[in-house]
Amino acid sequence: MNKILVSCPTADVKDYAFNEWINNVNNFTYNNYDIHVVDNSETREYLKEIKTKYEDIATFERVSPIQYSSFKMALAKSHDKCRLKALNNDYDYLLHLESDVFPPLDIIERLL
């Protein structure tokens, strides 16, 4: 069975959808996948909040937008961290979703 990483960049501006997103992803019907979230909010507070709620079902990283010349660069780095997590941890596939996209629960089976 293929090992899948479901990953997304997020930020506090997408807080309106994150709880629904992670609950949706956590209920996927495929049996061999992990969830990884990369936060690029301006402060660490949002990451602390979501990590406290969901650290039992997902792993988390942070990209500080202050380190980059623009929000676009921070977002690109977030996407890169998602990709590197998959490559460096022997995942067979990466399902890269935005944190306000809610696919059907059998999306992995459909894509495979």
PDB file of N, CA and C in Angstrom:
ATOM      1  N   MET A   1       0.843  -1.171   0.000  1.00  0.00           N
ATOM      2  CA  MET A   1       0.000   0.000   0.000  1.00  0.00           C
ATOM      3  C   MET A   1       0.893   1.240   0.000  1.00  0.00           C
ATOM      4  N   ASN A   2       0.581   2.195  -0.861  1.00  0.00           N
ATOM      5  CA  ASN A   2       1.364   3.420  -0.964  1.00  0.00           C
ATOM      6  C   ASN A   2       1.247   4.270   0.290  1.00  0.00           C
ATOM      7  N   LYS A   3       2.365   4.891   0.650  1.00  0.00           N
ATOM      8  CA  LYS A   3       2.399   5.802   1.786  1.00  0.00           C
ATOM      9  C   LYS A   3       2.226   7.228   1.246  1.00  0.00           C
ATOM     10  N   ILE A   4       1.204   7.929   1.745  1.00  0.00           N
ATOM     11  CA  ILE A   4       0.821   9.239   1.220  1.00  0.00           C
ATOM     12  C   ILE A   4       1.033  10.314   2.278  1.00  0.00           C
ATOM     13  N   LEU A   5       1.523  11.470   1.861  1.00  0.00           N
ATOM     14  CA  LEU A   5       1.556  12.643   2.727  1.00  0.00           C
ATOM     15  C   LEU A   5       0.520  13.628   2.209  1.00  0.00           C
ATOM     16  N   VAL A   6      -0.413  13.999   3.069  1.00  0.00           N
ATOM     17  CA  VAL A   6      -1.386  15.042   2.756  1.00  0.00           C
ATOM     18  C   VAL A   6      -0.882  16.289   3.469  1.00  0.00           C
ATOM     19  N   SER A   7      -0.571  17.314   2.703  1.00  0.00           N
ATOM     20  CA  SER A   7       0.094  18.474   3.275  1.00  0.00           C
ATOM     21  C   SER A   7      -0.508  19.762   2.761  1.00  0.00           C
ATOM     22  N   CYS A   8      -0.395  20.812   3.599  1.00  0.00           N
ATOM     23  CA  CYS A   8      -0.900  22.110   3.173  1.00  0.00           C
ATOM     24  C   CYS A   8      -0.144  23.244   3.839  1.00  0.00           C
ATOM     25  N   PRO A   9      -0.009  24.354   3.108  1.00  0.00           N
ATOM     26  CA  PRO A   9       0.410  25.587   3.748  1.00  0.00           C
ATOM     27  C   PRO A   9      -0.839  26.246   4.316  1.00  0.00           C
ATOM     28  N   THR A  10      -0.692  26.968   5.407  1.00  0.00           N
ATOM     29  CA  THR A  10      -1.825  27.698   5.963  1.00  0.00           C
ATOM     30  C   THR A  10      -1.316  28.930   6.673  1.00  0.00           C
ATOM     31  N   ALA A  11      -2.238  29.753   7.089  1.00  0.00           N
ATOM     32  CA  ALA A  11      -1.920  30.961   7.860  1.00  0.00           C
ATOM     33  C   ALA A  11      -3.176  31.378   8.611  1.00  0.00           C
ATOM     34  N   ASP A  12      -2.992  32.284   9.549  1.00  0.00           N
ATOM     35  CA  ASP A  12      -4.129  32.710  10.359  1.00  0.00           C
ATOM     36  C   ASP A  12      -5.249  33.327   9.531  1.00  0.00           C
ATOM     37  N   VAL A  13      -4.963  33.828   8.347  1.00  0.00           N
ATOM     38  CA  VAL A  13      -6.014  34.387   7.490  1.00  0.00           C
ATOM     39  C   VAL A  13      -6.948  33.301   6.954  1.00  0.00           C
ATOM     40  N   LYS A  14      -6.531  32.047   7.046  1.00  0.00           N
ATOM     41  CA  LYS A  14      -7.388  30.936   6.613  1.00  0.00           C
ATOM     42  C   LYS A  14      -8.017  30.201   7.795  1.00  0.00           C
ATOM     43  N   ASP A  15      -7.994  30.832   8.947  1.00  0.00           N
ATOM     44  CA  ASP A  15      -8.569  30.236  10.151  1.00  0.00           C
ATOM     45  C   ASP A  15     -10.050  29.886   9.980  1.00  0.00           C
ATOM     46  N   TYR A  16     -10.755  30.629   9.152  1.00  0.00           N
ATOM     47  CA  TYR A  16     -12.176  30.383   8.920  1.00  0.00           C
ATOM     48  C   TYR A  16     -12.448  28.976   8.405  1.00  0.00           C
ATOM     49  N   ALA A  17     -11.458  28.336   7.816  1.00  0.00           N
ATOM     50  CA  ALA A  17     -11.678  27.031   7.185  1.00  0.00           C
ATOM     51  C   ALA A  17     -10.842  25.908   7.777  1.00  0.00           C
ATOM     52  N   PHE A  18      -9.829  26.218   8.575  1.00  0.00           N
ATOM     53  CA  PHE A  18      -8.871  25.194   8.959  1.00  0.00           C
ATOM     54  C   PHE A  18      -9.476  24.048   9.760  1.00  0.00           C
ATOM     55  N   ASN A  19     -10.291  24.329  10.742  1.00  0.00           N
ATOM     56  CA  ASN A  19     -10.878  23.248  11.552  1.00  0.00           C
ATOM     57  C   ASN A  19     -11.674  22.279  10.684  1.00  0.00           C
ATOM     58  N   GLU A  20     -12.451  22.819   9.780  1.00  0.00           N
ATOM     59  CA  GLU A  20     -13.226  21.962   8.872  1.00  0.00           C
ATOM     60  C   GLU A  20     -12.293  21.188   7.940  1.00  0.00           C
ATOM     61  N   TRP A  21     -11.228  21.861   7.479  1.00  0.00           N
ATOM     62  CA  TRP A  21     -10.285  21.213   6.574  1.00  0.00           C
ATOM     63  C   TRP A  21      -9.613  20.013   7.243  1.00  0.00           C
ATOM     64  N   ILE A  22      -9.056  20.223   8.433  1.00  0.00           N
ATOM     65  CA  ILE A  22      -8.305  19.136   9.073  1.00  0.00           C
ATOM     66  C   ILE A  22      -9.239  18.000   9.478  1.00  0.00           C
ATOM     67  N   ASN A  23     -10.458  18.313   9.860  1.00  0.00           N
ATOM     68  CA  ASN A  23     -11.422  17.246  10.160  1.00  0.00           C
ATOM     69  C   ASN A  23     -11.794  16.475   8.902  1.00  0.00           C
ATOM     70  N   ASN A  24     -11.917  17.178   7.782  1.00  0.00           N
ATOM     71  CA  ASN A  24     -12.192  16.511   6.507  1.00  0.00           C
ATOM     72  C   ASN A  24     -11.050  15.572   6.145  1.00  0.00           C
ATOM     73  N   VAL A  25      -9.835  16.076   6.178  1.00  0.00           N
ATOM     74  CA  VAL A  25      -8.659  15.286   5.801  1.00  0.00           C
ATOM     75  C   VAL A  25      -8.460  14.114   6.766  1.00  0.00           C
ATOM     76  N   ASN A  26      -8.697  14.335   8.024  1.00  0.00           N
ATOM     77  CA  ASN A  26      -8.523  13.277   9.015  1.00  0.00           C
ATOM     78  C   ASN A  26      -9.511  12.123   8.818  1.00  0.00           C
ATOM     79  N   ASN A  27     -10.566  12.349   8.071  1.00  0.00           N
ATOM     80  CA  ASN A  27     -11.564  11.308   7.812  1.00  0.00           C
ATOM     81  C   ASN A  27     -11.453  10.682   6.432  1.00  0.00           C
ATOM     82  N   PHE A  28     -10.340  10.917   5.741  1.00  0.00           N
ATOM     83  CA  PHE A  28     -10.142  10.252   4.454  1.00  0.00           C
ATOM     84  C   PHE A  28     -10.235   8.743   4.647  1.00  0.00           C
ATOM     85  N   THR A  29     -10.729   8.055   3.656  1.00  0.00           N
ATOM     86  CA  THR A  29     -10.947   6.615   3.770  1.00  0.00           C
ATOM     87  C   THR A  29      -9.695   5.779   3.501  1.00  0.00           C
ATOM     88  N   TYR A  30      -8.671   6.367   2.904  1.00  0.00           N
ATOM     89  CA  TYR A  30      -7.429   5.651   2.653  1.00  0.00           C
ATOM     90  C   TYR A  30      -6.749   5.343   3.987  1.00  0.00           C
ATOM     91  N   ASN A  31      -6.071   4.208   4.088  1.00  0.00           N
ATOM     92  CA  ASN A  31      -5.531   3.766   5.380  1.00  0.00           C
ATOM     93  C   ASN A  31      -4.079   4.108   5.667  1.00  0.00           C
ATOM     94  N   ASN A  32      -3.348   4.658   4.715  1.00  0.00           N
ATOM     95  CA  ASN A  32      -1.916   4.845   4.939  1.00  0.00           C
ATOM     96  C   ASN A  32      -1.483   6.255   4.519  1.00  0.00           C
ATOM     97  N   TYR A  33      -1.847   7.234   5.344  1.00  0.00           N
ATOM     98  CA  TYR A  33      -1.455   8.605   5.043  1.00  0.00           C
ATOM     99  C   TYR A  33      -1.205   9.378   6.334  1.00  0.00           C
ATOM    100  N   ASP A  34      -0.390  10.417   6.210  1.00  0.00           N
ATOM    101  CA  ASP A  34      -0.095  11.329   7.309  1.00  0.00           C
ATOM    102  C   ASP A  34      -0.488  12.735   6.880  1.00  0.00           C
ATOM    103  N   ILE A  35      -0.738  13.586   7.861  1.00  0.00           N
ATOM    104  CA  ILE A  35      -1.107  14.980   7.618  1.00  0.00           C
ATOM    105  C   ILE A  35       0.028  15.872   8.106  1.00  0.00           C
ATOM    106  N   HIS A  36       0.415  16.824   7.259  1.00  0.00           N
ATOM    107  CA  HIS A  36       1.475  17.775   7.613  1.00  0.00           C
ATOM    108  C   HIS A  36       1.033  19.182   7.235  1.00  0.00           C
ATOM    109  N   VAL A  37       1.216  20.128   8.162  1.00  0.00           N
ATOM    110  CA  VAL A  37       0.768  21.507   7.973  1.00  0.00           C
ATOM    111  C   VAL A  37       1.958  22.450   8.153  1.00  0.00           C
ATOM    112  N   VAL A  38       2.094  23.408   7.241  1.00  0.00           N
ATOM    113  CA  VAL A  38       3.139  24.423   7.347  1.00  0.00           C
ATOM    114  C   VAL A  38       2.458  25.782   7.487  1.00  0.00           C
ATOM    115  N   ASP A  39       2.679  26.417   8.621  1.00  0.00           N
ATOM    116  CA  ASP A  39       2.068  27.712   8.904  1.00  0.00           C
ATOM    117  C   ASP A  39       3.011  28.841   8.505  1.00  0.00           C
ATOM    118  N   ASN A  40       2.465  29.860   7.832  1.00  0.00           N
ATOM    119  CA  ASN A  40       3.265  31.028   7.472  1.00  0.00           C
ATOM    120  C   ASN A  40       2.623  32.321   7.956  1.00  0.00           C
ATOM    121  N   SER A  41       1.983  32.260   9.116  1.00  0.00           N
ATOM    122  CA  SER A  41       1.402  33.456   9.727  1.00  0.00           C
ATOM    123  C   SER A  41       2.516  34.387  10.193  1.00  0.00           C
ATOM    124  N   GLU A  42       2.157  35.646  10.384  1.00  0.00           N
ATOM    125  CA  GLU A  42       3.165  36.624  10.813  1.00  0.00           C
ATOM    126  C   GLU A  42       3.670  36.368  12.227  1.00  0.00           C
ATOM    127  N   THR A  43       2.820  35.802  13.088  1.00  0.00           N
ATOM    128  CA  THR A  43       3.255  35.495  14.457  1.00  0.00           C
ATOM    129  C   THR A  43       3.150  33.991  14.688  1.00  0.00           C
ATOM    130  N   ARG A  44       3.654  33.550  15.813  1.00  0.00           N
ATOM    131  CA  ARG A  44       3.621  32.125  16.161  1.00  0.00           C
ATOM    132  C   ARG A  44       2.319  31.698  16.839  1.00  0.00           C
ATOM    133  N   GLU A  45       1.453  32.645  17.145  1.00  0.00           N
ATOM    134  CA  GLU A  45       0.249  32.350  17.926  1.00  0.00           C
ATOM    135  C   GLU A  45      -0.693  31.363  17.226  1.00  0.00           C
ATOM    136  N   TYR A  46      -0.900  31.538  15.942  1.00  0.00           N
ATOM    137  CA  TYR A  46      -1.817  30.645  15.223  1.00  0.00           C
ATOM    138  C   TYR A  46      -1.288  29.214  15.210  1.00  0.00           C
ATOM    139  N   LEU A  47       0.002  29.066  14.972  1.00  0.00           N
ATOM    140  CA  LEU A  47       0.595  27.725  14.988  1.00  0.00           C
ATOM    141  C   LEU A  47       0.422  27.079  16.359  1.00  0.00           C
ATOM    142  N   LYS A  48       0.660  27.834  17.417  1.00  0.00           N
ATOM    143  CA  LYS A  48       0.473  27.298  18.767  1.00  0.00           C
ATOM    144  C   LYS A  48      -0.967  26.823  18.963  1.00  0.00           C
ATOM    145  N   GLU A  49      -1.913  27.620  18.485  1.00  0.00           N
ATOM    146  CA  GLU A  49      -3.339  27.275  18.640  1.00  0.00           C
ATOM    147  C   GLU A  49      -3.701  25.991  17.904  1.00  0.00           C
ATOM    148  N   ILE A  50      -3.354  25.908  16.629  1.00  0.00           N
ATOM    149  CA  ILE A  50      -3.752  24.710  15.868  1.00  0.00           C
ATOM    150  C   ILE A  50      -2.954  23.486  16.288  1.00  0.00           C
ATOM    151  N   LYS A  51      -1.709  23.680  16.649  1.00  0.00           N
ATOM    152  CA  LYS A  51      -0.884  22.548  17.086  1.00  0.00           C
ATOM    153  C   LYS A  51      -1.439  21.959  18.380  1.00  0.00           C
ATOM    154  N   THR A  52      -1.854  22.809  19.304  1.00  0.00           N
ATOM    155  CA  THR A  52      -2.443  22.339  20.559  1.00  0.00           C
ATOM    156  C   THR A  52      -3.692  21.509  20.299  1.00  0.00           C
ATOM    157  N   LYS A  53      -4.511  21.940  19.359  1.00  0.00           N
ATOM    158  CA  LYS A  53      -5.759  21.232  19.048  1.00  0.00           C
ATOM    159  C   LYS A  53      -5.528  19.928  18.290  1.00  0.00           C
ATOM    160  N   TYR A  54      -4.546  19.910  17.407  1.00  0.00           N
ATOM    161  CA  TYR A  54      -4.457  18.807  16.440  1.00  0.00           C
ATOM    162  C   TYR A  54      -3.124  18.067  16.410  1.00  0.00           C
ATOM    163  N   GLU A  55      -2.268  18.245  17.407  1.00  0.00           N
ATOM    164  CA  GLU A  55      -0.962  17.593  17.349  1.00  0.00           C
ATOM    165  C   GLU A  55      -1.051  16.074  17.403  1.00  0.00           C
ATOM    166  N   ASP A  56      -2.189  15.541  17.782  1.00  0.00           N
ATOM    167  CA  ASP A  56      -2.344  14.082  17.803  1.00  0.00           C
ATOM    168  C   ASP A  56      -2.673  13.504  16.426  1.00  0.00           C
ATOM    169  N   ILE A  57      -3.040  14.375  15.464  1.00  0.00           N
ATOM    170  CA  ILE A  57      -3.388  13.858  14.134  1.00  0.00           C
ATOM    171  C   ILE A  57      -2.535  14.444  13.007  1.00  0.00           C
ATOM    172  N   ALA A  58      -1.666  15.412  13.319  1.00  0.00           N
ATOM    173  CA  ALA A  58      -0.867  16.041  12.265  1.00  0.00           C
ATOM    174  C   ALA A  58       0.476  16.488  12.817  1.00  0.00           C
ATOM    175  N   THR A  59       1.428  16.701  11.897  1.00  0.00           N
ATOM    176  CA  THR A  59       2.691  17.327  12.260  1.00  0.00           C
ATOM    177  C   THR A  59       2.668  18.754  11.731  1.00  0.00           C
ATOM    178  N   PHE A  60       3.480  19.610  12.345  1.00  0.00           N
ATOM    179  CA  PHE A  60       3.435  21.032  12.022  1.00  0.00           C
ATOM    180  C   PHE A  60       4.838  21.602  11.882  1.00  0.00           C
ATOM    181  N   GLU A  61       4.954  22.602  11.003  1.00  0.00           N
ATOM    182  CA  GLU A  61       6.175  23.378  10.827  1.00  0.00           C
ATOM    183  C   GLU A  61       5.773  24.832  10.677  1.00  0.00           C
ATOM    184  N   ARG A  62       6.761  25.702  10.737  1.00  0.00           N
ATOM    185  CA  ARG A  62       6.491  27.128  10.560  1.00  0.00           C
ATOM    186  C   ARG A  62       7.499  27.737   9.605  1.00  0.00           C
ATOM    187  N   VAL A  63       7.011  28.646   8.773  1.00  0.00           N
ATOM    188  CA  VAL A  63       7.847  29.491   7.939  1.00  0.00           C
ATOM    189  C   VAL A  63       7.539  30.916   8.364  1.00  0.00           C
ATOM    190  N   SER A  64       8.538  31.637   8.791  1.00  0.00           N
ATOM    191  CA  SER A  64       8.330  33.024   9.214  1.00  0.00           C
ATOM    192  C   SER A  64       8.398  33.953   8.010  1.00  0.00           C
ATOM    193  N   PRO A  65       7.298  34.655   7.703  1.00  0.00           N
ATOM    194  CA  PRO A  65       7.322  35.550   6.538  1.00  0.00           C
ATOM    195  C   PRO A  65       8.290  36.717   6.715  1.00  0.00           C
ATOM    196  N   ILE A  66       8.684  36.999   7.940  1.00  0.00           N
ATOM    197  CA  ILE A  66       9.617  38.091   8.206  1.00  0.00           C
ATOM    198  C   ILE A  66      10.984  37.796   7.577  1.00  0.00           C
ATOM    199  N   GLN A  67      11.310  36.526   7.428  1.00  0.00           N
ATOM    200  CA  GLN A  67      12.608  36.136   6.864  1.00  0.00           C
ATOM    201  C   GLN A  67      12.690  36.363   5.350  1.00  0.00           C
ATOM    202  N   TYR A  68      11.555  36.600   4.708  1.00  0.00           N
ATOM    203  CA  TYR A  68      11.525  36.661   3.246  1.00  0.00           C
ATOM    204  C   TYR A  68      11.104  38.044   2.775  1.00  0.00           C
ATOM    205  N   SER A  69      11.450  38.362   1.555  1.00  0.00           N
ATOM    206  CA  SER A  69      11.217  39.698   1.019  1.00  0.00           C
ATOM    207  C   SER A  69       9.749  39.987   0.714  1.00  0.00           C
ATOM    208  N   SER A  70       8.939  38.938   0.630  1.00  0.00           N
ATOM    209  CA  SER A  70       7.520  39.154   0.323  1.00  0.00           C
ATOM    210  C   SER A  70       6.704  37.966   0.818  1.00  0.00           C
ATOM    211  N   PHE A  71       5.401  38.183   0.898  1.00  0.00           N
ATOM    212  CA  PHE A  71       4.505  37.100   1.270  1.00  0.00           C
ATOM    213  C   PHE A  71       4.595  35.971   0.247  1.00  0.00           C
ATOM    214  N   LYS A  72       4.742  36.312  -1.018  1.00  0.00           N
ATOM    215  CA  LYS A  72       4.848  35.285  -2.064  1.00  0.00           C
ATOM    216  C   LYS A  72       6.035  34.361  -1.817  1.00  0.00           C
ATOM    217  N   MET A  73       7.129  34.931  -1.375  1.00  0.00           N
ATOM    218  CA  MET A  73       8.320  34.118  -1.102  1.00  0.00           C
ATOM    219  C   MET A  73       8.080  33.205   0.103  1.00  0.00           C
ATOM    220  N   ALA A  74       7.415  33.717   1.126  1.00  0.00           N
ATOM    221  CA  ALA A  74       7.106  32.889   2.303  1.00  0.00           C
ATOM    222  C   ALA A  74       6.162  31.758   1.915  1.00  0.00           C
ATOM    223  N   LEU A  75       5.192  32.051   1.073  1.00  0.00           N
ATOM    224  CA  LEU A  75       4.259  31.022   0.626  1.00  0.00           C
ATOM    225  C   LEU A  75       4.990  29.972  -0.216  1.00  0.00           C
ATOM    226  N   ALA A  76       5.878  30.406  -1.075  1.00  0.00           N
ATOM    227  CA  ALA A  76       6.664  29.461  -1.877  1.00  0.00           C
ATOM    228  C   ALA A  76       7.510  28.565  -0.975  1.00  0.00           C
ATOM    229  N   LYS A  77       8.105  29.140   0.067  1.00  0.00           N
ATOM    230  CA  LYS A  77       8.893  28.349   1.008  1.00  0.00           C
ATOM    231  C   LYS A  77       8.009  27.342   1.744  1.00  0.00           C
ATOM    232  N   SER A  78       6.774  27.730   2.068  1.00  0.00           N
ATOM    233  CA  SER A  78       5.830  26.811   2.714  1.00  0.00           C
ATOM    234  C   SER A  78       5.525  25.622   1.819  1.00  0.00           C
ATOM    235  N   HIS A  79       5.265  25.897   0.554  1.00  0.00           N
ATOM    236  CA  HIS A  79       5.017  24.818  -0.406  1.00  0.00           C
ATOM    237  C   HIS A  79       6.245  23.916  -0.514  1.00  0.00           C
ATOM    238  N   ASP A  80       7.415  24.531  -0.510  1.00  0.00           N
ATOM    239  CA  ASP A  80       8.664  23.766  -0.596  1.00  0.00           C
ATOM    240  C   ASP A  80       8.833  22.852   0.618  1.00  0.00           C
ATOM    241  N   LYS A  81       8.497  23.338   1.804  1.00  0.00           N
ATOM    242  CA  LYS A  81       8.599  22.509   3.013  1.00  0.00           C
ATOM    243  C   LYS A  81       7.659  21.306   2.930  1.00  0.00           C
ATOM    244  N   CYS A  82       6.474  21.499   2.361  1.00  0.00           N
ATOM    245  CA  CYS A  82       5.550  20.376   2.169  1.00  0.00           C
ATOM    246  C   CYS A  82       6.182  19.320   1.265  1.00  0.00           C
ATOM    247  N   ARG A  83       6.745  19.776   0.168  1.00  0.00           N
ATOM    248  CA  ARG A  83       7.378  18.872  -0.800  1.00  0.00           C
ATOM    249  C   ARG A  83       8.573  18.149  -0.180  1.00  0.00           C
ATOM    250  N   LEU A  84       9.410  18.885   0.548  1.00  0.00           N
ATOM    251  CA  LEU A  84      10.588  18.273   1.168  1.00  0.00           C
ATOM    252  C   LEU A  84      10.227  17.266   2.249  1.00  0.00           C
ATOM    253  N   LYS A  85       9.155  17.520   2.974  1.00  0.00           N
ATOM    254  CA  LYS A  85       8.692  16.557   3.983  1.00  0.00           C
ATOM    255  C   LYS A  85       8.390  15.218   3.300  1.00  0.00           C
ATOM    256  N   ALA A  86       7.739  15.263   2.162  1.00  0.00           N
ATOM    257  CA  ALA A  86       7.416  14.031   1.432  1.00  0.00           C
ATOM    258  C   ALA A  86       8.673  13.360   0.898  1.00  0.00           C
ATOM    259  N   LEU A  87       9.553  14.129   0.306  1.00  0.00           N
ATOM    260  CA  LEU A  87      10.764  13.556  -0.286  1.00  0.00           C
ATOM    261  C   LEU A  87      11.716  12.991   0.758  1.00  0.00           C
ATOM    262  N   ASN A  88      11.845  13.660   1.881  1.00  0.00           N
ATOM    263  CA  ASN A  88      12.814  13.255   2.899  1.00  0.00           C
ATOM    264  C   ASN A  88      12.319  12.176   3.849  1.00  0.00           C
ATOM    265  N   ASN A  89      11.064  11.785   3.715  1.00  0.00           N
ATOM    266  CA  ASN A  89      10.497  10.798   4.635  1.00  0.00           C
ATOM    267  C   ASN A  89       9.881   9.607   3.920  1.00  0.00           C
ATOM    268  N   ASP A  90      10.358   9.326   2.734  1.00  0.00           N
ATOM    269  CA  ASP A  90       9.992   8.118   1.986  1.00  0.00           C
ATOM    270  C   ASP A  90       8.504   7.955   1.702  1.00  0.00           C
ATOM    271  N   TYR A  91       7.819   9.059   1.467  1.00  0.00           N
ATOM    272  CA  TYR A  91       6.428   8.951   1.029  1.00  0.00           C
ATOM    273  C   TYR A  91       6.418   8.610  -0.451  1.00  0.00           C
ATOM    274  N   ASP A  92       5.415   7.845  -0.865  1.00  0.00           N
ATOM    275  CA  ASP A  92       5.282   7.512  -2.277  1.00  0.00           C
ATOM    276  C   ASP A  92       4.646   8.642  -3.068  1.00  0.00           C
ATOM    277  N   TYR A  93       3.718   9.348  -2.419  1.00  0.00           N
ATOM    278  CA  TYR A  93       2.999  10.437  -3.078  1.00  0.00           C
ATOM    279  C   TYR A  93       2.737  11.567  -2.094  1.00  0.00           C
ATOM    280  N   LEU A  94       2.584  12.762  -2.662  1.00  0.00           N
ATOM    281  CA  LEU A  94       2.201  13.948  -1.905  1.00  0.00           C
ATOM    282  C   LEU A  94       0.868  14.448  -2.452  1.00  0.00           C
ATOM    283  N   LEU A  95      -0.112  14.562  -1.581  1.00  0.00           N
ATOM    284  CA  LEU A  95      -1.369  15.214  -1.941  1.00  0.00           C
ATOM    285  C   LEU A  95      -1.306  16.590  -1.305  1.00  0.00           C
ATOM    286  N   HIS A  96      -1.074  17.577  -2.122  1.00  0.00           N
ATOM    287  CA  HIS A  96      -0.861  18.945  -1.643  1.00  0.00           C
ATOM    288  C   HIS A  96      -2.173  19.708  -1.794  1.00  0.00           C
ATOM    289  N   LEU A  97      -2.769  20.069  -0.660  1.00  0.00           N
ATOM    290  CA  LEU A  97      -4.049  20.772  -0.668  1.00  0.00           C
ATOM    291  C   LEU A  97      -3.916  22.139  -0.025  1.00  0.00           C
ATOM    292  N   GLU A  98      -4.731  23.063  -0.437  1.00  0.00           N
ATOM    293  CA  GLU A  98      -4.864  24.331   0.278  1.00  0.00           C
ATOM    294  C   GLU A  98      -5.800  24.089   1.457  1.00  0.00           C
ATOM    295  N   SER A  99      -5.663  24.887   2.499  1.00  0.00           N
ATOM    296  CA  SER A  99      -6.436  24.630   3.718  1.00  0.00           C
ATOM    297  C   SER A  99      -7.876  25.135   3.663  1.00  0.00           C
ATOM    298  N   ASP A 100      -8.342  25.459   2.485  1.00  0.00           N
ATOM    299  CA  ASP A 100      -9.758  25.768   2.301  1.00  0.00           C
ATOM    300  C   ASP A 100     -10.345  24.970   1.128  1.00  0.00           C
ATOM    301  N   VAL A 101      -9.721  23.818   0.855  1.00  0.00           N
ATOM    302  CA  VAL A 101     -10.194  22.894  -0.181  1.00  0.00           C
ATOM    303  C   VAL A 101     -10.629  21.616   0.505  1.00  0.00           C
ATOM    304  N   PHE A 102     -11.856  21.161   0.215  1.00  0.00           N
ATOM    305  CA  PHE A 102     -12.446  20.015   0.895  1.00  0.00           C
ATOM    306  C   PHE A 102     -12.803  18.916  -0.115  1.00  0.00           C
ATOM    307  N   PRO A 103     -11.849  18.043  -0.395  1.00  0.00           N
ATOM    308  CA  PRO A 103     -12.122  16.981  -1.372  1.00  0.00           C
ATOM    309  C   PRO A 103     -13.002  15.886  -0.770  1.00  0.00           C
ATOM    310  N   PRO A 104     -13.536  15.015  -1.623  1.00  0.00           N
ATOM    311  CA  PRO A 104     -14.302  13.872  -1.101  1.00  0.00           C
ATOM    312  C   PRO A 104     -13.400  12.980  -0.255  1.00  0.00           C
ATOM    313  N   LEU A 105     -13.998  12.254   0.648  1.00  0.00           N
ATOM    314  CA  LEU A 105     -13.233  11.438   1.600  1.00  0.00           C
ATOM    315  C   LEU A 105     -12.431  10.325   0.922  1.00  0.00           C
ATOM    316  N   ASP A 106     -12.826   9.917  -0.260  1.00  0.00           N
ATOM    317  CA  ASP A 106     -12.087   8.870  -0.985  1.00  0.00           C
ATOM    318  C   ASP A 106     -11.167   9.445  -2.048  1.00  0.00           C
ATOM    319  N   ILE A 107     -10.741  10.675  -1.890  1.00  0.00           N
ATOM    320  CA  ILE A 107      -9.925  11.342  -2.910  1.00  0.00           C
ATOM    321  C   ILE A 107      -8.631  10.590  -3.195  1.00  0.00           C
ATOM    322  N   ILE A 108      -7.992  10.051  -2.203  1.00  0.00           N
ATOM    323  CA  ILE A 108      -6.719   9.350  -2.446  1.00  0.00           C
ATOM    324  C   ILE A 108      -6.947   8.120  -3.327  1.00  0.00           C
ATOM    325  N   GLU A 109      -7.959   7.340  -3.002  1.00  0.00           N
ATOM    326  CA  GLU A 109      -8.272   6.154  -3.829  1.00  0.00           C
ATOM    327  C   GLU A 109      -8.595   6.570  -5.247  1.00  0.00           C
ATOM    328  N   ARG A 110      -9.333   7.639  -5.425  1.00  0.00           N
ATOM    329  CA  ARG A 110      -9.684   8.095  -6.760  1.00  0.00           C
ATOM    330  C   ARG A 110      -8.447   8.518  -7.553  1.00  0.00           C
ATOM    331  N   LEU A 111      -7.550   9.204  -6.888  1.00  0.00           N
ATOM    332  CA  LEU A 111      -6.349   9.655  -7.583  1.00  0.00           C
ATOM    333  C   LEU A 111      -5.393   8.504  -7.879  1.00  0.00           C
ATOM    334  N   LEU A 112      -5.300   7.546  -6.976  1.00  0.00           N
ATOM    335  CA  LEU A 112      -4.432   6.403  -7.224  1.00  0.00           C
ATOM    336  C   LEU A 112      -4.970   5.550  -8.355  1.00  0.00           C
TER     337      LEU A 112
END
